[in-house]
């Protein structure tokens, strides 16, 4: 997976893991984050970083399937950012 958003999130995962995973490793992964070695503590750090950086709220209630893999996480954040853009455009058109 490539692109600016994927690259940014891969860097955030690397930082959350205290550099134990290189961003390039993460970018090439389609397996689970836990299989990569991302710990539950690193996931919490990552959630905080993503929420702060992108001004989104990652829902941990119910199914947090978007945390199952890197591509799912990138897709989820991308969809949240896109929906925010659409909401702004709708508000402006009124």
PDB file of N, CA and C in Angstrom:
ATOM      1  N   UNK A   1       0.849  -1.170   0.000  1.00  0.00           N
ATOM      2  CA  UNK A   1       0.000   0.000   0.000  1.00  0.00           C
ATOM      3  C   UNK A   1       0.896   1.234   0.000  1.00  0.00           C
ATOM      4  N   UNK A   2       0.569   2.173  -0.878  1.00  0.00           N
ATOM      5  CA  UNK A   2       1.367   3.397  -0.969  1.00  0.00           C
ATOM      6  C   UNK A   2       0.456   4.614  -0.966  1.00  0.00           C
ATOM      7  N   UNK A   3       1.065   5.761  -1.000  1.00  0.00           N
ATOM      8  CA  UNK A   3       0.336   7.021  -0.999  1.00  0.00           C
ATOM      9  C   UNK A   3       0.687   7.810   0.240  1.00  0.00           C
ATOM     10  N   UNK A   4       0.395   9.104   0.206  1.00  0.00           N
ATOM     11  CA  UNK A   4       0.781   9.968   1.327  1.00  0.00           C
ATOM     12  C   UNK A   4       0.140   9.568   2.657  1.00  0.00           C
ATOM     13  N   UNK A   5      -1.132   9.195   2.632  1.00  0.00           N
ATOM     14  CA  UNK A   5      -1.796   8.819   3.879  1.00  0.00           C
ATOM     15  C   UNK A   5      -1.198   7.527   4.436  1.00  0.00           C
ATOM     16  N   UNK A   6      -1.003   6.539   3.579  1.00  0.00           N
ATOM     17  CA  UNK A   6      -0.414   5.268   4.011  1.00  0.00           C
ATOM     18  C   UNK A   6       0.993   5.487   4.561  1.00  0.00           C
ATOM     19  N   UNK A   7       1.761   6.318   3.894  1.00  0.00           N
ATOM     20  CA  UNK A   7       3.122   6.604   4.346  1.00  0.00           C
ATOM     21  C   UNK A   7       3.110   7.281   5.709  1.00  0.00           C
ATOM     22  N   UNK A   8       2.204   8.229   5.892  1.00  0.00           N
ATOM     23  CA  UNK A   8       2.101   8.941   7.171  1.00  0.00           C
ATOM     24  C   UNK A   8       1.711   7.976   8.295  1.00  0.00           C
ATOM     25  N   UNK A   9       0.711   7.131   8.032  1.00  0.00           N
ATOM     26  CA  UNK A   9       0.250   6.203   9.065  1.00  0.00           C
ATOM     27  C   UNK A   9       1.312   5.146   9.359  1.00  0.00           C
ATOM     28  N   UNK A  10       2.035   4.692   8.353  1.00  0.00           N
ATOM     29  CA  UNK A  10       3.126   3.733   8.579  1.00  0.00           C
ATOM     30  C   UNK A  10       4.175   4.344   9.505  1.00  0.00           C
ATOM     31  N   UNK A  11       4.477   5.611   9.304  1.00  0.00           N
ATOM     32  CA  UNK A  11       5.415   6.303  10.187  1.00  0.00           C
ATOM     33  C   UNK A  11       4.886   6.418  11.600  1.00  0.00           C
ATOM     34  N   UNK A  12       3.587   6.631  11.719  1.00  0.00           N
ATOM     35  CA  UNK A  12       2.968   6.737  13.040  1.00  0.00           C
ATOM     36  C   UNK A  12       3.004   5.389  13.765  1.00  0.00           C
ATOM     37  N   UNK A  13       2.790   4.308  13.019  1.00  0.00           N
ATOM     38  CA  UNK A  13       2.876   2.974  13.621  1.00  0.00           C
ATOM     39  C   UNK A  13       4.305   2.712  14.081  1.00  0.00           C
ATOM     40  N   UNK A  14       5.269   3.058  13.254  1.00  0.00           N
ATOM     41  CA  UNK A  14       6.674   2.877  13.613  1.00  0.00           C
ATOM     42  C   UNK A  14       7.006   3.640  14.894  1.00  0.00           C
ATOM     43  N   UNK A  15       6.549   4.863  14.984  1.00  0.00           N
ATOM     44  CA  UNK A  15       6.776   5.676  16.178  1.00  0.00           C
ATOM     45  C   UNK A  15       6.083   5.068  17.393  1.00  0.00           C
ATOM     46  N   UNK A  16       4.837   4.618  17.214  1.00  0.00           N
ATOM     47  CA  UNK A  16       4.092   4.010  18.322  1.00  0.00           C
ATOM     48  C   UNK A  16       4.783   2.748  18.826  1.00  0.00           C
ATOM     49  N   UNK A  17       5.501   2.073  17.934  1.00  0.00           N
ATOM     50  CA  UNK A  17       6.251   0.853  18.295  1.00  0.00           C
ATOM     51  C   UNK A  17       7.679   1.172  18.713  1.00  0.00           C
ATOM     52  N   UNK A  18       7.956   2.448  18.927  1.00  0.00           N
ATOM     53  CA  UNK A  18       9.276   2.917  19.349  1.00  0.00           C
ATOM     54  C   UNK A  18      10.372   2.487  18.383  1.00  0.00           C
ATOM     55  N   UNK A  19      10.048   2.496  17.083  1.00  0.00           N
ATOM     56  CA  UNK A  19      11.029   2.218  16.046  1.00  0.00           C
ATOM     57  C   UNK A  19      11.350   0.752  15.821  1.00  0.00           C
ATOM     58  N   UNK A  20      10.645  -0.150  16.511  1.00  0.00           N
ATOM     59  CA  UNK A  20      10.928  -1.581  16.322  1.00  0.00           C
ATOM     60  C   UNK A  20      10.497  -2.076  14.942  1.00  0.00           C
ATOM     61  N   UNK A  21       9.599  -1.356  14.302  1.00  0.00           N
ATOM     62  CA  UNK A  21       9.164  -1.671  12.938  1.00  0.00           C
ATOM     63  C   UNK A  21       9.503  -0.493  12.045  1.00  0.00           C
ATOM     64  N   UNK A  22      10.095  -0.775  10.911  1.00  0.00           N
ATOM     65  CA  UNK A  22      10.392   0.283   9.945  1.00  0.00           C
ATOM     66  C   UNK A  22       9.132   0.586   9.143  1.00  0.00           C
ATOM     67  N   UNK A  23       8.921   1.853   8.776  1.00  0.00           N
ATOM     68  CA  UNK A  23       7.758   2.191   7.957  1.00  0.00           C
ATOM     69  C   UNK A  23       7.663   1.344   6.684  1.00  0.00           C
ATOM     70  N   UNK A  24       8.798   1.010   6.088  1.00  0.00           N
ATOM     71  CA  UNK A  24       8.795   0.204   4.859  1.00  0.00           C
ATOM     72  C   UNK A  24       8.216  -1.190   5.112  1.00  0.00           C
ATOM     73  N   UNK A  25       8.511  -1.748   6.276  1.00  0.00           N
ATOM     74  CA  UNK A  25       7.950  -3.050   6.666  1.00  0.00           C
ATOM     75  C   UNK A  25       6.438  -2.973   6.746  1.00  0.00           C
ATOM     76  N   UNK A  26       5.972  -1.904   7.328  1.00  0.00           N
ATOM     77  CA  UNK A  26       4.537  -1.718   7.537  1.00  0.00           C
ATOM     78  C   UNK A  26       3.842  -1.482   6.204  1.00  0.00           C
ATOM     79  N   UNK A  27       4.435  -0.653   5.356  1.00  0.00           N
ATOM     80  CA  UNK A  27       3.840  -0.355   4.047  1.00  0.00           C
ATOM     81  C   UNK A  27       3.661  -1.612   3.203  1.00  0.00           C
ATOM     82  N   UNK A  28       4.547  -2.584   3.365  1.00  0.00           N
ATOM     83  CA  UNK A  28       4.471  -3.808   2.575  1.00  0.00           C
ATOM     84  C   UNK A  28       3.610  -4.890   3.200  1.00  0.00           C
ATOM     85  N   UNK A  29       2.976  -4.591   4.315  1.00  0.00           N
ATOM     86  CA  UNK A  29       2.231  -5.607   5.052  1.00  0.00           C
ATOM     87  C   UNK A  29       0.746  -5.566   4.738  1.00  0.00           C
ATOM     88  N   UNK A  30       0.161  -6.749   4.616  1.00  0.00           N
ATOM     89  CA  UNK A  30      -1.295  -6.816   4.532  1.00  0.00           C
ATOM     90  C   UNK A  30      -1.847  -7.739   5.615  1.00  0.00           C
ATOM     91  N   UNK A  31      -0.964  -8.203   6.501  1.00  0.00           N
ATOM     92  CA  UNK A  31      -1.376  -9.047   7.618  1.00  0.00           C
ATOM     93  C   UNK A  31      -1.827  -8.200   8.795  1.00  0.00           C
ATOM     94  N   UNK A  32      -2.111  -8.871   9.879  1.00  0.00           N
ATOM     95  CA  UNK A  32      -2.597  -8.163  11.058  1.00  0.00           C
ATOM     96  C   UNK A  32      -1.478  -7.337  11.691  1.00  0.00           C
ATOM     97  N   UNK A  33      -1.891  -6.296  12.383  1.00  0.00           N
ATOM     98  CA  UNK A  33      -0.915  -5.469  13.089  1.00  0.00           C
ATOM     99  C   UNK A  33      -0.240  -6.275  14.192  1.00  0.00           C
ATOM    100  N   UNK A  34      -1.000  -7.129  14.857  1.00  0.00           N
ATOM    101  CA  UNK A  34      -0.389  -7.930  15.923  1.00  0.00           C
ATOM    102  C   UNK A  34       0.636  -8.915  15.361  1.00  0.00           C
ATOM    103  N   UNK A  35       0.398  -9.439  14.159  1.00  0.00           N
ATOM    104  CA  UNK A  35       1.374 -10.339  13.531  1.00  0.00           C
ATOM    105  C   UNK A  35       2.668  -9.599  13.204  1.00  0.00           C
ATOM    106  N   UNK A  36       2.557  -8.297  12.968  1.00  0.00           N
ATOM    107  CA  UNK A  36       3.747  -7.480  12.735  1.00  0.00           C
ATOM    108  C   UNK A  36       4.518  -7.225  14.026  1.00  0.00           C
ATOM    109  N   UNK A  37       3.850  -7.429  15.151  1.00  0.00           N
ATOM    110  CA  UNK A  37       4.494  -7.177  16.435  1.00  0.00           C
ATOM    111  C   UNK A  37       4.010  -5.914  17.110  1.00  0.00           C
ATOM    112  N   UNK A  38       2.901  -5.354  16.624  1.00  0.00           N
ATOM    113  CA  UNK A  38       2.336  -4.153  17.234  1.00  0.00           C
ATOM    114  C   UNK A  38       1.602  -4.581  18.507  1.00  0.00           C
ATOM    115  N   UNK A  39       2.053  -4.083  19.638  1.00  0.00           N
ATOM    116  CA  UNK A  39       1.470  -4.449  20.931  1.00  0.00           C
ATOM    117  C   UNK A  39       0.215  -3.636  21.211  1.00  0.00           C
ATOM    118  N   UNK A  40      -0.533  -4.049  22.224  1.00  0.00           N
ATOM    119  CA  UNK A  40      -1.740  -3.312  22.594  1.00  0.00           C
ATOM    120  C   UNK A  40      -1.394  -1.898  23.060  1.00  0.00           C
ATOM    121  N   UNK A  41      -0.274  -1.737  23.734  1.00  0.00           N
ATOM    122  CA  UNK A  41       0.163  -0.398  24.146  1.00  0.00           C
ATOM    123  C   UNK A  41       0.484   0.462  22.923  1.00  0.00           C
ATOM    124  N   UNK A  42       1.138  -0.123  21.936  1.00  0.00           N
ATOM    125  CA  UNK A  42       1.449   0.612  20.707  1.00  0.00           C
ATOM    126  C   UNK A  42       0.171   1.000  19.974  1.00  0.00           C
ATOM    127  N   UNK A  43      -0.838   0.133  20.010  1.00  0.00           N
ATOM    128  CA  UNK A  43      -2.121   0.459  19.373  1.00  0.00           C
ATOM    129  C   UNK A  43      -2.743   1.671  20.057  1.00  0.00           C
ATOM    130  N   UNK A  44      -2.700   1.722  21.377  1.00  0.00           N
ATOM    131  CA  UNK A  44      -3.244   2.884  22.091  1.00  0.00           C
ATOM    132  C   UNK A  44      -2.480   4.157  21.730  1.00  0.00           C
ATOM    133  N   UNK A  45      -1.163   4.059  21.646  1.00  0.00           N
ATOM    134  CA  UNK A  45      -0.360   5.222  21.228  1.00  0.00           C
ATOM    135  C   UNK A  45      -0.736   5.644  19.811  1.00  0.00           C
ATOM    136  N   UNK A  46      -0.910   4.651  18.946  1.00  0.00           N
ATOM    137  CA  UNK A  46      -1.267   4.927  17.557  1.00  0.00           C
ATOM    138  C   UNK A  46      -2.620   5.614  17.466  1.00  0.00           C
ATOM    139  N   UNK A  47      -3.591   5.127  18.204  1.00  0.00           N
ATOM    140  CA  UNK A  47      -4.922   5.734  18.194  1.00  0.00           C
ATOM    141  C   UNK A  47      -4.832   7.192  18.608  1.00  0.00           C
ATOM    142  N   UNK A  48      -4.119   7.471  19.679  1.00  0.00           N
ATOM    143  CA  UNK A  48      -3.942   8.862  20.118  1.00  0.00           C
ATOM    144  C   UNK A  48      -3.300   9.707  19.025  1.00  0.00           C
ATOM    145  N   UNK A  49      -2.265   9.178  18.395  1.00  0.00           N
ATOM    146  CA  UNK A  49      -1.550   9.930  17.357  1.00  0.00           C
ATOM    147  C   UNK A  49      -2.437  10.194  16.147  1.00  0.00           C
ATOM    148  N   UNK A  50      -3.189   9.184  15.720  1.00  0.00           N
ATOM    149  CA  UNK A  50      -4.071   9.346  14.554  1.00  0.00           C
ATOM    150  C   UNK A  50      -5.161  10.361  14.863  1.00  0.00           C
ATOM    151  N   UNK A  51      -5.767  10.246  16.037  1.00  0.00           N
ATOM    152  CA  UNK A  51      -6.825  11.189  16.408  1.00  0.00           C
ATOM    153  C   UNK A  51      -6.300  12.621  16.457  1.00  0.00           C
ATOM    154  N   UNK A  52      -5.133  12.790  17.018  1.00  0.00           N
ATOM    155  CA  UNK A  52      -4.554  14.131  17.124  1.00  0.00           C
ATOM    156  C   UNK A  52      -4.143  14.677  15.762  1.00  0.00           C
ATOM    157  N   UNK A  53      -3.472  13.874  14.970  1.00  0.00           N
ATOM    158  CA  UNK A  53      -2.937  14.340  13.681  1.00  0.00           C
ATOM    159  C   UNK A  53      -4.031  14.658  12.676  1.00  0.00           C
ATOM    160  N   UNK A  54      -5.059  13.797  12.608  1.00  0.00           N
ATOM    161  CA  UNK A  54      -6.084  13.948  11.580  1.00  0.00           C
ATOM    162  C   UNK A  54      -7.384  14.542  12.106  1.00  0.00           C
ATOM    163  N   UNK A  55      -7.432  14.863  13.391  1.00  0.00           N
ATOM    164  CA  UNK A  55      -8.617  15.433  14.022  1.00  0.00           C
ATOM    165  C   UNK A  55      -9.848  14.565  13.755  1.00  0.00           C
ATOM    166  N   UNK A  56      -9.692  13.275  14.025  1.00  0.00           N
ATOM    167  CA  UNK A  56     -10.784  12.315  13.889  1.00  0.00           C
ATOM    168  C   UNK A  56     -10.934  11.586  15.218  1.00  0.00           C
ATOM    169  N   UNK A  57     -12.056  10.911  15.378  1.00  0.00           N
ATOM    170  CA  UNK A  57     -12.290  10.111  16.567  1.00  0.00           C
ATOM    171  C   UNK A  57     -12.402   8.660  16.134  1.00  0.00           C
ATOM    172  N   UNK A  58     -11.481   7.831  16.588  1.00  0.00           N
ATOM    173  CA  UNK A  58     -11.516   6.409  16.266  1.00  0.00           C
ATOM    174  C   UNK A  58     -12.379   5.708  17.303  1.00  0.00           C
ATOM    175  N   UNK A  59     -13.480   5.145  16.857  1.00  0.00           N
ATOM    176  CA  UNK A  59     -14.438   4.491  17.736  1.00  0.00           C
ATOM    177  C   UNK A  59     -13.898   3.135  18.172  1.00  0.00           C
ATOM    178  N   UNK A  60     -13.711   2.966  19.459  1.00  0.00           N
ATOM    179  CA  UNK A  60     -13.229   1.693  19.988  1.00  0.00           C
ATOM    180  C   UNK A  60     -14.367   0.819  20.491  1.00  0.00           C
ATOM    181  N   UNK A  61     -15.574   1.370  20.497  1.00  0.00           N
ATOM    182  CA  UNK A  61     -16.731   0.582  20.896  1.00  0.00           C
ATOM    183  C   UNK A  61     -17.169  -0.315  19.749  1.00  0.00           C
ATOM    184  N   UNK A  62     -17.798  -1.416  20.091  1.00  0.00           N
ATOM    185  CA  UNK A  62     -18.257  -2.331  19.047  1.00  0.00           C
ATOM    186  C   UNK A  62     -17.089  -2.947  18.311  1.00  0.00           C
ATOM    187  N   UNK A  63     -17.217  -2.985  17.013  1.00  0.00           N
ATOM    188  CA  UNK A  63     -16.176  -3.599  16.196  1.00  0.00           C
ATOM    189  C   UNK A  63     -15.133  -2.562  15.806  1.00  0.00           C
ATOM    190  N   UNK A  64     -13.919  -2.826  16.168  1.00  0.00           N
ATOM    191  CA  UNK A  64     -12.807  -1.970  15.748  1.00  0.00           C
ATOM    192  C   UNK A  64     -11.984  -2.749  14.731  1.00  0.00           C
ATOM    193  N   UNK A  65     -12.684  -3.346  13.756  1.00  0.00           N
ATOM    194  CA  UNK A  65     -12.038  -4.198  12.752  1.00  0.00           C
ATOM    195  C   UNK A  65     -10.988  -3.442  11.954  1.00  0.00           C
ATOM    196  N   UNK A  66     -11.112  -2.126  11.894  1.00  0.00           N
ATOM    197  CA  UNK A  66     -10.135  -1.323  11.154  1.00  0.00           C
ATOM    198  C   UNK A  66      -8.737  -1.430  11.762  1.00  0.00           C
ATOM    199  N   UNK A  67      -8.653  -1.918  12.985  1.00  0.00           N
ATOM    200  CA  UNK A  67      -7.350  -2.102  13.626  1.00  0.00           C
ATOM    201  C   UNK A  67      -6.747  -3.476  13.334  1.00  0.00           C
ATOM    202  N   UNK A  68      -7.449  -4.288  12.536  1.00  0.00           N
ATOM    203  CA  UNK A  68      -6.963  -5.640  12.242  1.00  0.00           C
ATOM    204  C   UNK A  68      -5.750  -5.656  11.324  1.00  0.00           C
ATOM    205  N   UNK A  69      -5.647  -4.675  10.435  1.00  0.00           N
ATOM    206  CA  UNK A  69      -4.509  -4.667   9.506  1.00  0.00           C
ATOM    207  C   UNK A  69      -4.199  -3.239   9.078  1.00  0.00           C
ATOM    208  N   UNK A  70      -3.014  -3.060   8.558  1.00  0.00           N
ATOM    209  CA  UNK A  70      -2.591  -1.750   8.075  1.00  0.00           C
ATOM    210  C   UNK A  70      -3.498  -1.242   6.951  1.00  0.00           C
ATOM    211  N   UNK A  71      -3.788  -2.059   5.913  1.00  0.00           N
ATOM    212  CA  UNK A  71      -4.674  -1.560   4.855  1.00  0.00           C
ATOM    213  C   UNK A  71      -6.060  -1.172   5.369  1.00  0.00           C
ATOM    214  N   UNK A  72      -6.605  -1.939   6.316  1.00  0.00           N
ATOM    215  CA  UNK A  72      -7.917  -1.590   6.870  1.00  0.00           C
ATOM    216  C   UNK A  72      -7.860  -0.272   7.634  1.00  0.00           C
ATOM    217  N   UNK A  73      -6.799  -0.063   8.390  1.00  0.00           N
ATOM    218  CA  UNK A  73      -6.652   1.184   9.145  1.00  0.00           C
ATOM    219  C   UNK A  73      -6.547   2.377   8.202  1.00  0.00           C
ATOM    220  N   UNK A  74      -5.723   2.259   7.177  1.00  0.00           N
ATOM    221  CA  UNK A  74      -5.573   3.353   6.213  1.00  0.00           C
ATOM    222  C   UNK A  74      -6.908   3.622   5.518  1.00  0.00           C
ATOM    223  N   UNK A  75      -7.604   2.577   5.115  1.00  0.00           N
ATOM    224  CA  UNK A  75      -8.904   2.738   4.464  1.00  0.00           C
ATOM    225  C   UNK A  75      -9.921   3.405   5.366  1.00  0.00           C
ATOM    226  N   UNK A  76      -9.916   3.036   6.638  1.00  0.00           N
ATOM    227  CA  UNK A  76     -10.849   3.616   7.602  1.00  0.00           C
ATOM    228  C   UNK A  76     -10.579   5.105   7.804  1.00  0.00           C
ATOM    229  N   UNK A  77      -9.327   5.451   8.014  1.00  0.00           N
ATOM    230  CA  UNK A  77      -8.974   6.864   8.204  1.00  0.00           C
ATOM    231  C   UNK A  77      -9.280   7.653   6.932  1.00  0.00           C
ATOM    232  N   UNK A  78      -8.973   7.091   5.783  1.00  0.00           N
ATOM    233  CA  UNK A  78      -9.261   7.751   4.507  1.00  0.00           C
ATOM    234  C   UNK A  78     -10.756   8.007   4.365  1.00  0.00           C
ATOM    235  N   UNK A  79     -11.581   7.026   4.707  1.00  0.00           N
ATOM    236  CA  UNK A  79     -13.034   7.189   4.620  1.00  0.00           C
ATOM    237  C   UNK A  79     -13.528   8.263   5.585  1.00  0.00           C
ATOM    238  N   UNK A  80     -12.952   8.301   6.785  1.00  0.00           N
ATOM    239  CA  UNK A  80     -13.349   9.331   7.749  1.00  0.00           C
ATOM    240  C   UNK A  80     -12.993  10.726   7.241  1.00  0.00           C
ATOM    241  N   UNK A  81     -11.814  10.857   6.670  1.00  0.00           N
ATOM    242  CA  UNK A  81     -11.398  12.155   6.134  1.00  0.00           C
ATOM    243  C   UNK A  81     -12.265  12.548   4.948  1.00  0.00           C
ATOM    244  N   UNK A  82     -12.602  11.594   4.088  1.00  0.00           N
ATOM    245  CA  UNK A  82     -13.442  11.873   2.923  1.00  0.00           C
ATOM    246  C   UNK A  82     -14.845  12.274   3.357  1.00  0.00           C
ATOM    247  N   UNK A  83     -15.392  11.617   4.370  1.00  0.00           N
ATOM    248  CA  UNK A  83     -16.742  11.960   4.823  1.00  0.00           C
ATOM    249  C   UNK A  83     -16.770  13.349   5.440  1.00  0.00           C
ATOM    250  N   UNK A  84     -15.686  13.729   6.071  1.00  0.00           N
ATOM    251  CA  UNK A  84     -15.612  15.079   6.638  1.00  0.00           C
ATOM    252  C   UNK A  84     -15.593  16.119   5.526  1.00  0.00           C
ATOM    253  N   UNK A  85     -14.885  15.849   4.438  1.00  0.00           N
ATOM    254  CA  UNK A  85     -14.835  16.762   3.293  1.00  0.00           C
ATOM    255  C   UNK A  85     -16.217  16.891   2.671  1.00  0.00           C
ATOM    256  N   UNK A  86     -16.914  15.770   2.518  1.00  0.00           N
ATOM    257  CA  UNK A  86     -18.258  15.791   1.940  1.00  0.00           C
ATOM    258  C   UNK A  86     -19.193  16.597   2.828  1.00  0.00           C
ATOM    259  N   UNK A  87     -19.111  16.415   4.142  1.00  0.00           N
ATOM    260  CA  UNK A  87     -19.969  17.154   5.065  1.00  0.00           C
ATOM    261  C   UNK A  87     -19.723  18.653   4.959  1.00  0.00           C
ATOM    262  N   UNK A  88     -18.481  19.058   4.817  1.00  0.00           N
ATOM    263  CA  UNK A  88     -18.153  20.476   4.668  1.00  0.00           C
ATOM    264  C   UNK A  88     -18.719  21.012   3.357  1.00  0.00           C
ATOM    265  N   UNK A  89     -18.587  20.240   2.283  1.00  0.00           N
ATOM    266  CA  UNK A  89     -19.109  20.675   0.989  1.00  0.00           C
ATOM    267  C   UNK A  89     -20.624  20.808   1.022  1.00  0.00           C
ATOM    268  N   UNK A  90     -21.300  19.895   1.692  1.00  0.00           N
ATOM    269  CA  UNK A  90     -22.760  19.973   1.813  1.00  0.00           C
ATOM    270  C   UNK A  90     -23.143  21.209   2.608  1.00  0.00           C
ATOM    271  N   UNK A  91     -22.451  21.466   3.695  1.00  0.00           N
ATOM    272  CA  UNK A  91     -22.752  22.636   4.520  1.00  0.00           C
ATOM    273  C   UNK A  91     -22.538  23.927   3.743  1.00  0.00           C
ATOM    274  N   UNK A  92     -21.520  23.961   2.907  1.00  0.00           N
ATOM    275  CA  UNK A  92     -21.246  25.171   2.122  1.00  0.00           C
ATOM    276  C   UNK A  92     -22.288  25.398   1.039  1.00  0.00           C
ATOM    277  N   UNK A  93     -22.899  24.327   0.548  1.00  0.00           N
ATOM    278  CA  UNK A  93     -23.855  24.462  -0.552  1.00  0.00           C
ATOM    279  C   UNK A  93     -25.228  24.898  -0.073  1.00  0.00           C
ATOM    280  N   UNK A  94     -25.428  24.946   1.217  1.00  0.00           N
ATOM    281  CA  UNK A  94     -26.751  25.329   1.754  1.00  0.00           C
ATOM    282  C   UNK A  94     -26.913  26.802   1.826  1.00  0.00           C
TER     283      UNK A  94
END
